[in-house]
């Protein structure tokens, strides 16, 4: 059984009295352990699809099954439970709490579970070490560069050991080298930890790191193609000049 199954998915909104058809009968499947890039111009429906995949929104019609469970039939509490247990989110703007440390930001998803305080701390530290920030756990977001903040956001996304990472334009606010560093982390999580990674992007060079590219236009799936030889982010980093990552101390 596929991890994600979508059949004839429709999503409509209303703009005043006028219906707006955002997704128009989308069908696709994503297997466990895939690395998928979802692409398309602004207004193509890719962000709406990501919200549905992340259980942040429900379809107007059609079927969305996550790990065999029909999401459209679930109530708000059950959707929140699935989001916390099975999905890790990474966004373009990081969405970190400004007045808390990196460690406390990463611990946040575990506060909604029965995880004891000591275990929360240990798991958050392990997640920070996994993204190369084990020595920055006491730093606040204002004391970290943009790339470091995004790594904290990734650590927060993986601290619950989710099955899926959903990343919405995760490199949109980053420079070229830092973008490659972030993609290297995603590739490692996908290949070594077996996480299913879904990246929403409008950048073809970022999509080239994924093993599959899905293109949307005007609310419809336009093209679904395997990438024969994905770019290797870790190898590319070795050939790029090493730059001192800026740290802002206030």
C-alpha atoms as a PDB file:
ATOM      1  CA  UNK A   1       0.000   0.000   0.000  1.00  0.00           C
ATOM      2  CA  UNK A   2       1.304   3.459  -0.928  1.00  0.00           C
ATOM      3  CA  UNK A   3       1.962   5.908   1.892  1.00  0.00           C
ATOM      4  CA  UNK A   4      -0.080   8.575   0.093  1.00  0.00           C
ATOM      5  CA  UNK A   5      -3.035   7.800  -2.177  1.00  0.00           C
ATOM      6  CA  UNK A   6      -5.003  10.571  -3.870  1.00  0.00           C
ATOM      7  CA  UNK A   7      -7.950   9.913  -6.157  1.00  0.00           C
ATOM      8  CA  UNK A   8      -9.840  12.588  -8.102  1.00  0.00           C
ATOM      9  CA  UNK A   9      -9.003  15.240  -5.522  1.00  0.00           C
ATOM     10  CA  UNK A  10     -10.948  18.489  -5.814  1.00  0.00           C
ATOM     11  CA  UNK A  11     -10.530  21.659  -3.767  1.00  0.00           C
ATOM     12  CA  UNK A  12     -12.821  24.670  -4.213  1.00  0.00           C
ATOM     13  CA  UNK A  13     -12.943  27.986  -2.394  1.00  0.00           C
ATOM     14  CA  UNK A  14     -15.464  30.773  -2.556  1.00  0.00           C
ATOM     15  CA  UNK A  15     -14.509  34.321  -3.417  1.00  0.00           C
ATOM     16  CA  UNK A  16     -17.660  36.193  -2.537  1.00  0.00           C
ATOM     17  CA  UNK A  17     -20.359  34.463  -4.565  1.00  0.00           C
ATOM     18  CA  UNK A  18     -17.899  33.024  -7.065  1.00  0.00           C
ATOM     19  CA  UNK A  19     -16.426  29.532  -6.667  1.00  0.00           C
ATOM     20  CA  UNK A  20     -12.684  29.245  -7.240  1.00  0.00           C
ATOM     21  CA  UNK A  21     -11.564  25.820  -8.471  1.00  0.00           C
ATOM     22  CA  UNK A  22      -8.021  25.282  -7.167  1.00  0.00           C
ATOM     23  CA  UNK A  23      -7.537  21.518  -7.571  1.00  0.00           C
ATOM     24  CA  UNK A  24      -9.393  19.842 -10.406  1.00  0.00           C
ATOM     25  CA  UNK A  25      -9.472  16.082 -10.080  1.00  0.00           C
ATOM     26  CA  UNK A  26      -5.887  15.252  -9.067  1.00  0.00           C
ATOM     27  CA  UNK A  27      -4.870  11.596  -8.740  1.00  0.00           C
ATOM     28  CA  UNK A  28      -1.434  10.363  -7.636  1.00  0.00           C
ATOM     29  CA  UNK A  29       0.392   8.008  -5.276  1.00  0.00           C
ATOM     30  CA  UNK A  30       3.600   8.478  -3.299  1.00  0.00           C
ATOM     31  CA  UNK A  31       5.445   5.466  -1.941  1.00  0.00           C
ATOM     32  CA  UNK A  32       7.230   5.197   1.381  1.00  0.00           C
ATOM     33  CA  UNK A  33      10.779   6.462   1.189  1.00  0.00           C
ATOM     34  CA  UNK A  34      10.367   8.610  -1.917  1.00  0.00           C
ATOM     35  CA  UNK A  35      11.888  12.059  -2.362  1.00  0.00           C
ATOM     36  CA  UNK A  36       9.391  14.089  -4.392  1.00  0.00           C
ATOM     37  CA  UNK A  37       9.460  17.687  -5.619  1.00  0.00           C
ATOM     38  CA  UNK A  38       6.107  19.332  -6.381  1.00  0.00           C
ATOM     39  CA  UNK A  39       6.487  22.161  -8.877  1.00  0.00           C
ATOM     40  CA  UNK A  40       4.345  24.708 -10.633  1.00  0.00           C
ATOM     41  CA  UNK A  41       3.843  28.446 -11.115  1.00  0.00           C
ATOM     42  CA  UNK A  42       2.011  30.631  -8.621  1.00  0.00           C
ATOM     43  CA  UNK A  43      -1.669  29.682  -8.571  1.00  0.00           C
ATOM     44  CA  UNK A  44      -1.067  26.197  -9.941  1.00  0.00           C
ATOM     45  CA  UNK A  45      -2.463  24.486  -6.814  1.00  0.00           C
ATOM     46  CA  UNK A  46       0.779  23.085  -5.407  1.00  0.00           C
ATOM     47  CA  UNK A  47       0.531  24.878  -2.047  1.00  0.00           C
ATOM     48  CA  UNK A  48      -3.129  23.904  -1.691  1.00  0.00           C
ATOM     49  CA  UNK A  49      -2.147  20.295  -2.321  1.00  0.00           C
ATOM     50  CA  UNK A  50       0.568  20.528   0.321  1.00  0.00           C
ATOM     51  CA  UNK A  51      -1.940  21.844   2.870  1.00  0.00           C
ATOM     52  CA  UNK A  52      -4.169  18.853   2.168  1.00  0.00           C
ATOM     53  CA  UNK A  53      -1.243  16.407   2.307  1.00  0.00           C
ATOM     54  CA  UNK A  54      -0.275  17.926   5.659  1.00  0.00           C
ATOM     55  CA  UNK A  55      -3.798  17.560   7.065  1.00  0.00           C
ATOM     56  CA  UNK A  56      -4.047  21.341   7.396  1.00  0.00           C
ATOM     57  CA  UNK A  57      -7.036  21.401   5.055  1.00  0.00           C
ATOM     58  CA  UNK A  58      -9.616  18.975   3.696  1.00  0.00           C
ATOM     59  CA  UNK A  59     -10.529  18.337   0.063  1.00  0.00           C
ATOM     60  CA  UNK A  60     -13.896  19.434  -1.289  1.00  0.00           C
ATOM     61  CA  UNK A  61     -14.259  16.095  -3.047  1.00  0.00           C
ATOM     62  CA  UNK A  62     -12.187  13.035  -3.829  1.00  0.00           C
ATOM     63  CA  UNK A  63     -10.150  10.724  -1.619  1.00  0.00           C
ATOM     64  CA  UNK A  64      -6.921  11.308   0.292  1.00  0.00           C
ATOM     65  CA  UNK A  65      -5.551   8.318   2.183  1.00  0.00           C
ATOM     66  CA  UNK A  66      -2.492   8.706   4.382  1.00  0.00           C
ATOM     67  CA  UNK A  67      -1.000   5.422   5.503  1.00  0.00           C
ATOM     68  CA  UNK A  68      -4.314   3.749   4.645  1.00  0.00           C
ATOM     69  CA  UNK A  69      -6.474   6.208   6.601  1.00  0.00           C
ATOM     70  CA  UNK A  70      -9.008   8.343   4.731  1.00  0.00           C
ATOM     71  CA  UNK A  71      -8.151  11.856   5.890  1.00  0.00           C
ATOM     72  CA  UNK A  72     -11.318  13.525   4.634  1.00  0.00           C
ATOM     73  CA  UNK A  73     -13.419  11.580   7.136  1.00  0.00           C
ATOM     74  CA  UNK A  74     -11.461  12.637  10.236  1.00  0.00           C
ATOM     75  CA  UNK A  75     -12.402  15.295  12.775  1.00  0.00           C
ATOM     76  CA  UNK A  76     -10.155  18.177  13.804  1.00  0.00           C
ATOM     77  CA  UNK A  77      -8.637  16.432  16.829  1.00  0.00           C
ATOM     78  CA  UNK A  78      -7.710  13.334  14.850  1.00  0.00           C
ATOM     79  CA  UNK A  79      -6.181  15.475  12.108  1.00  0.00           C
ATOM     80  CA  UNK A  80      -4.058  17.268  14.713  1.00  0.00           C
ATOM     81  CA  UNK A  81      -2.941  13.921  16.105  1.00  0.00           C
ATOM     82  CA  UNK A  82      -1.874  12.705  12.661  1.00  0.00           C
ATOM     83  CA  UNK A  83       0.007  15.930  11.973  1.00  0.00           C
ATOM     84  CA  UNK A  84       1.929  15.612  15.220  1.00  0.00           C
ATOM     85  CA  UNK A  85       2.719  11.916  14.850  1.00  0.00           C
ATOM     86  CA  UNK A  86       3.341  11.395  11.152  1.00  0.00           C
ATOM     87  CA  UNK A  87       4.238  14.728   9.525  1.00  0.00           C
ATOM     88  CA  UNK A  88       7.087  17.168   9.999  1.00  0.00           C
ATOM     89  CA  UNK A  89       6.716  20.641   8.483  1.00  0.00           C
ATOM     90  CA  UNK A  90       9.441  22.947   7.177  1.00  0.00           C
ATOM     91  CA  UNK A  91       8.516  26.392   5.844  1.00  0.00           C
ATOM     92  CA  UNK A  92      10.305  29.132   3.920  1.00  0.00           C
ATOM     93  CA  UNK A  93      10.165  31.610   6.807  1.00  0.00           C
ATOM     94  CA  UNK A  94      11.321  29.119   9.496  1.00  0.00           C
ATOM     95  CA  UNK A  95       8.450  29.972  11.919  1.00  0.00           C
ATOM     96  CA  UNK A  96      10.641  29.812  15.009  1.00  0.00           C
ATOM     97  CA  UNK A  97       9.649  31.346  18.330  1.00  0.00           C
ATOM     98  CA  UNK A  98      11.857  34.408  18.715  1.00  0.00           C
ATOM     99  CA  UNK A  99      12.176  34.429  22.505  1.00  0.00           C
ATOM    100  CA  UNK A 100      13.082  30.780  22.977  1.00  0.00           C
ATOM    101  CA  UNK A 101      16.307  28.895  22.399  1.00  0.00           C
ATOM    102  CA  UNK A 102      16.978  26.510  19.519  1.00  0.00           C
ATOM    103  CA  UNK A 103      16.536  23.601  21.934  1.00  0.00           C
ATOM    104  CA  UNK A 104      13.167  24.877  23.163  1.00  0.00           C
ATOM    105  CA  UNK A 105      11.992  25.456  19.594  1.00  0.00           C
ATOM    106  CA  UNK A 106      12.852  21.872  18.675  1.00  0.00           C
ATOM    107  CA  UNK A 107      11.171  20.502  21.806  1.00  0.00           C
ATOM    108  CA  UNK A 108       7.909  22.268  20.974  1.00  0.00           C
ATOM    109  CA  UNK A 109       6.145  19.415  19.069  1.00  0.00           C
ATOM    110  CA  UNK A 110       6.889  17.043  21.959  1.00  0.00           C
ATOM    111  CA  UNK A 111       5.044  19.301  24.392  1.00  0.00           C
ATOM    112  CA  UNK A 112       1.799  18.084  22.798  1.00  0.00           C
ATOM    113  CA  UNK A 113       2.634  14.485  23.654  1.00  0.00           C
ATOM    114  CA  UNK A 114       3.122  12.567  26.872  1.00  0.00           C
ATOM    115  CA  UNK A 115       6.914  12.639  26.433  1.00  0.00           C
ATOM    116  CA  UNK A 116       8.692  13.223  29.780  1.00  0.00           C
ATOM    117  CA  UNK A 117      10.800  16.375  30.075  1.00  0.00           C
ATOM    118  CA  UNK A 118      14.149  14.553  30.135  1.00  0.00           C
ATOM    119  CA  UNK A 119      13.297  12.550  27.034  1.00  0.00           C
ATOM    120  CA  UNK A 120      12.105  15.724  25.277  1.00  0.00           C
ATOM    121  CA  UNK A 121      15.463  17.308  25.987  1.00  0.00           C
ATOM    122  CA  UNK A 122      17.424  14.279  24.790  1.00  0.00           C
ATOM    123  CA  UNK A 123      15.430  13.907  21.583  1.00  0.00           C
ATOM    124  CA  UNK A 124      15.683  17.615  20.807  1.00  0.00           C
ATOM    125  CA  UNK A 125      19.445  17.552  21.327  1.00  0.00           C
ATOM    126  CA  UNK A 126      19.743  14.500  19.062  1.00  0.00           C
ATOM    127  CA  UNK A 127      17.735  16.272  16.363  1.00  0.00           C
ATOM    128  CA  UNK A 128      19.946  19.379  16.608  1.00  0.00           C
ATOM    129  CA  UNK A 129      23.072  17.236  16.345  1.00  0.00           C
ATOM    130  CA  UNK A 130      21.582  15.531  13.281  1.00  0.00           C
ATOM    131  CA  UNK A 131      21.468  18.890  11.482  1.00  0.00           C
ATOM    132  CA  UNK A 132      24.889  20.011  12.726  1.00  0.00           C
ATOM    133  CA  UNK A 133      23.753  22.412  15.439  1.00  0.00           C
ATOM    134  CA  UNK A 134      24.488  20.501  18.612  1.00  0.00           C
ATOM    135  CA  UNK A 135      26.699  23.351  19.807  1.00  0.00           C
ATOM    136  CA  UNK A 136      24.067  26.051  19.196  1.00  0.00           C
ATOM    137  CA  UNK A 137      21.254  24.702  21.340  1.00  0.00           C
ATOM    138  CA  UNK A 138      21.199  27.738  23.643  1.00  0.00           C
ATOM    139  CA  UNK A 139      21.106  30.301  20.827  1.00  0.00           C
ATOM    140  CA  UNK A 140      17.957  32.260  20.041  1.00  0.00           C
ATOM    141  CA  UNK A 141      16.847  32.715  16.400  1.00  0.00           C
ATOM    142  CA  UNK A 142      18.209  36.280  16.315  1.00  0.00           C
ATOM    143  CA  UNK A 143      21.657  34.855  17.104  1.00  0.00           C
ATOM    144  CA  UNK A 144      21.564  32.442  14.151  1.00  0.00           C
ATOM    145  CA  UNK A 145      21.989  32.904  10.418  1.00  0.00           C
ATOM    146  CA  UNK A 146      19.167  32.098   8.024  1.00  0.00           C
ATOM    147  CA  UNK A 147      20.671  28.706   7.196  1.00  0.00           C
ATOM    148  CA  UNK A 148      21.066  27.865  10.868  1.00  0.00           C
ATOM    149  CA  UNK A 149      17.473  28.872  11.555  1.00  0.00           C
ATOM    150  CA  UNK A 150      16.272  26.591   8.776  1.00  0.00           C
ATOM    151  CA  UNK A 151      18.290  23.732  10.248  1.00  0.00           C
ATOM    152  CA  UNK A 152      16.623  24.346  13.606  1.00  0.00           C
ATOM    153  CA  UNK A 153      13.282  24.182  11.785  1.00  0.00           C
ATOM    154  CA  UNK A 154      14.302  20.852  10.224  1.00  0.00           C
ATOM    155  CA  UNK A 155      15.341  19.530  13.637  1.00  0.00           C
ATOM    156  CA  UNK A 156      11.932  20.549  14.980  1.00  0.00           C
ATOM    157  CA  UNK A 157      10.289  18.717  12.075  1.00  0.00           C
ATOM    158  CA  UNK A 158      12.143  15.446  12.691  1.00  0.00           C
ATOM    159  CA  UNK A 159      12.080  15.362  16.510  1.00  0.00           C
ATOM    160  CA  UNK A 160       8.828  13.345  16.516  1.00  0.00           C
ATOM    161  CA  UNK A 161      10.291  10.780  14.074  1.00  0.00           C
ATOM    162  CA  UNK A 162       7.638  11.485  11.417  1.00  0.00           C
ATOM    163  CA  UNK A 163       7.033   9.372   8.327  1.00  0.00           C
ATOM    164  CA  UNK A 164       6.819  12.424   6.069  1.00  0.00           C
ATOM    165  CA  UNK A 165       8.700  15.704   5.813  1.00  0.00           C
ATOM    166  CA  UNK A 166       6.665  18.400   4.025  1.00  0.00           C
ATOM    167  CA  UNK A 167       8.825  21.350   3.030  1.00  0.00           C
ATOM    168  CA  UNK A 168       7.249  24.439   1.446  1.00  0.00           C
ATOM    169  CA  UNK A 169       9.880  26.464  -0.480  1.00  0.00           C
ATOM    170  CA  UNK A 170      12.501  25.559   2.168  1.00  0.00           C
ATOM    171  CA  UNK A 171      15.354  27.279   0.298  1.00  0.00           C
ATOM    172  CA  UNK A 172      13.410  30.330  -0.882  1.00  0.00           C
ATOM    173  CA  UNK A 173      15.023  32.680   1.644  1.00  0.00           C
ATOM    174  CA  UNK A 174      18.539  31.209   1.472  1.00  0.00           C
ATOM    175  CA  UNK A 175      21.674  31.792  -0.606  1.00  0.00           C
ATOM    176  CA  UNK A 176      22.970  29.210  -3.078  1.00  0.00           C
ATOM    177  CA  UNK A 177      25.432  27.349  -0.872  1.00  0.00           C
ATOM    178  CA  UNK A 178      23.092  27.259   2.109  1.00  0.00           C
ATOM    179  CA  UNK A 179      20.354  25.888  -0.165  1.00  0.00           C
ATOM    180  CA  UNK A 180      22.627  23.009  -1.154  1.00  0.00           C
ATOM    181  CA  UNK A 181      23.367  22.355   2.543  1.00  0.00           C
ATOM    182  CA  UNK A 182      19.633  22.121   3.267  1.00  0.00           C
ATOM    183  CA  UNK A 183      19.080  19.753   0.339  1.00  0.00           C
ATOM    184  CA  UNK A 184      21.963  17.603   1.576  1.00  0.00           C
ATOM    185  CA  UNK A 185      20.163  17.245   4.912  1.00  0.00           C
ATOM    186  CA  UNK A 186      16.934  16.263   3.166  1.00  0.00           C
ATOM    187  CA  UNK A 187      18.744  13.703   1.014  1.00  0.00           C
ATOM    188  CA  UNK A 188      20.386  12.197   4.093  1.00  0.00           C
ATOM    189  CA  UNK A 189      17.090  11.993   5.997  1.00  0.00           C
ATOM    190  CA  UNK A 190      15.526  10.340   2.975  1.00  0.00           C
ATOM    191  CA  UNK A 191      18.291   7.846   2.230  1.00  0.00           C
ATOM    192  CA  UNK A 192      19.638   7.002   5.666  1.00  0.00           C
ATOM    193  CA  UNK A 193      16.543   7.405   7.851  1.00  0.00           C
ATOM    194  CA  UNK A 194      13.967   6.347   5.250  1.00  0.00           C
ATOM    195  CA  UNK A 195      11.817   9.451   5.613  1.00  0.00           C
ATOM    196  CA  UNK A 196       9.486  10.352   2.783  1.00  0.00           C
ATOM    197  CA  UNK A 197      10.411  13.891   1.733  1.00  0.00           C
ATOM    198  CA  UNK A 198       8.055  16.133  -0.244  1.00  0.00           C
ATOM    199  CA  UNK A 199       9.411  19.542  -1.262  1.00  0.00           C
ATOM    200  CA  UNK A 200       7.224  22.227  -2.818  1.00  0.00           C
ATOM    201  CA  UNK A 201       9.384  24.486  -4.980  1.00  0.00           C
ATOM    202  CA  UNK A 202       9.323  26.670  -8.077  1.00  0.00           C
ATOM    203  CA  UNK A 203      13.072  26.253  -8.602  1.00  0.00           C
ATOM    204  CA  UNK A 204      14.106  23.545 -11.115  1.00  0.00           C
ATOM    205  CA  UNK A 205      17.627  23.348  -9.660  1.00  0.00           C
ATOM    206  CA  UNK A 206      16.177  22.476  -6.229  1.00  0.00           C
ATOM    207  CA  UNK A 207      13.747  19.942  -7.729  1.00  0.00           C
ATOM    208  CA  UNK A 208      16.721  18.244  -9.390  1.00  0.00           C
ATOM    209  CA  UNK A 209      17.820  16.870  -5.994  1.00  0.00           C
ATOM    210  CA  UNK A 210      14.603  14.830  -5.744  1.00  0.00           C
ATOM    211  CA  UNK A 211      14.018  11.448  -7.299  1.00  0.00           C
ATOM    212  CA  UNK A 212      10.656  12.424  -8.750  1.00  0.00           C
ATOM    213  CA  UNK A 213       9.235  15.691 -10.064  1.00  0.00           C
ATOM    214  CA  UNK A 214       5.474  16.355 -10.156  1.00  0.00           C
ATOM    215  CA  UNK A 215       4.388  19.428 -12.132  1.00  0.00           C
ATOM    216  CA  UNK A 216       1.098  21.275 -11.624  1.00  0.00           C
ATOM    217  CA  UNK A 217      -0.577  23.873 -13.776  1.00  0.00           C
ATOM    218  CA  UNK A 218      -4.043  25.386 -13.419  1.00  0.00           C
ATOM    219  CA  UNK A 219      -5.024  22.929 -10.676  1.00  0.00           C
ATOM    220  CA  UNK A 220      -4.171  19.813 -12.668  1.00  0.00           C
ATOM    221  CA  UNK A 221      -1.294  17.365 -12.602  1.00  0.00           C
ATOM    222  CA  UNK A 222       0.554  18.213 -15.794  1.00  0.00           C
ATOM    223  CA  UNK A 223       3.581  15.914 -15.634  1.00  0.00           C
ATOM    224  CA  UNK A 224       4.930  13.239 -13.286  1.00  0.00           C
ATOM    225  CA  UNK A 225       8.496  12.143 -14.062  1.00  0.00           C
ATOM    226  CA  UNK A 226      11.265  10.179 -12.398  1.00  0.00           C
ATOM    227  CA  UNK A 227      14.651  11.841 -12.166  1.00  0.00           C
ATOM    228  CA  UNK A 228      17.186   9.389 -13.573  1.00  0.00           C
ATOM    229  CA  UNK A 229      20.206  10.894 -11.791  1.00  0.00           C
ATOM    230  CA  UNK A 230      19.294  13.289  -8.966  1.00  0.00           C
ATOM    231  CA  UNK A 231      21.878  15.914  -8.079  1.00  0.00           C
ATOM    232  CA  UNK A 232      24.069  14.887  -5.137  1.00  0.00           C
ATOM    233  CA  UNK A 233      24.029  17.734  -2.654  1.00  0.00           C
ATOM    234  CA  UNK A 234      26.750  16.367  -0.356  1.00  0.00           C
ATOM    235  CA  UNK A 235      29.148  15.897  -3.283  1.00  0.00           C
ATOM    236  CA  UNK A 236      28.409  19.384  -4.604  1.00  0.00           C
ATOM    237  CA  UNK A 237      29.195  20.928  -1.231  1.00  0.00           C
ATOM    238  CA  UNK A 238      32.728  19.538  -1.410  1.00  0.00           C
ATOM    239  CA  UNK A 239      33.399  21.532  -4.571  1.00  0.00           C
ATOM    240  CA  UNK A 240      31.884  24.778  -3.315  1.00  0.00           C
ATOM    241  CA  UNK A 241      33.987  27.371  -1.464  1.00  0.00           C
ATOM    242  CA  UNK A 242      33.575  27.180   2.283  1.00  0.00           C
ATOM    243  CA  UNK A 243      32.069  30.335   3.683  1.00  0.00           C
ATOM    244  CA  UNK A 244      31.925  31.306   7.342  1.00  0.00           C
ATOM    245  CA  UNK A 245      28.271  31.192   8.285  1.00  0.00           C
ATOM    246  CA  UNK A 246      27.211  34.492   9.742  1.00  0.00           C
ATOM    247  CA  UNK A 247      26.221  34.452  13.379  1.00  0.00           C
ATOM    248  CA  UNK A 248      24.449  37.480  14.792  1.00  0.00           C
ATOM    249  CA  UNK A 249      25.095  37.999  18.485  1.00  0.00           C
ATOM    250  CA  UNK A 250      22.838  40.470  20.270  1.00  0.00           C
END
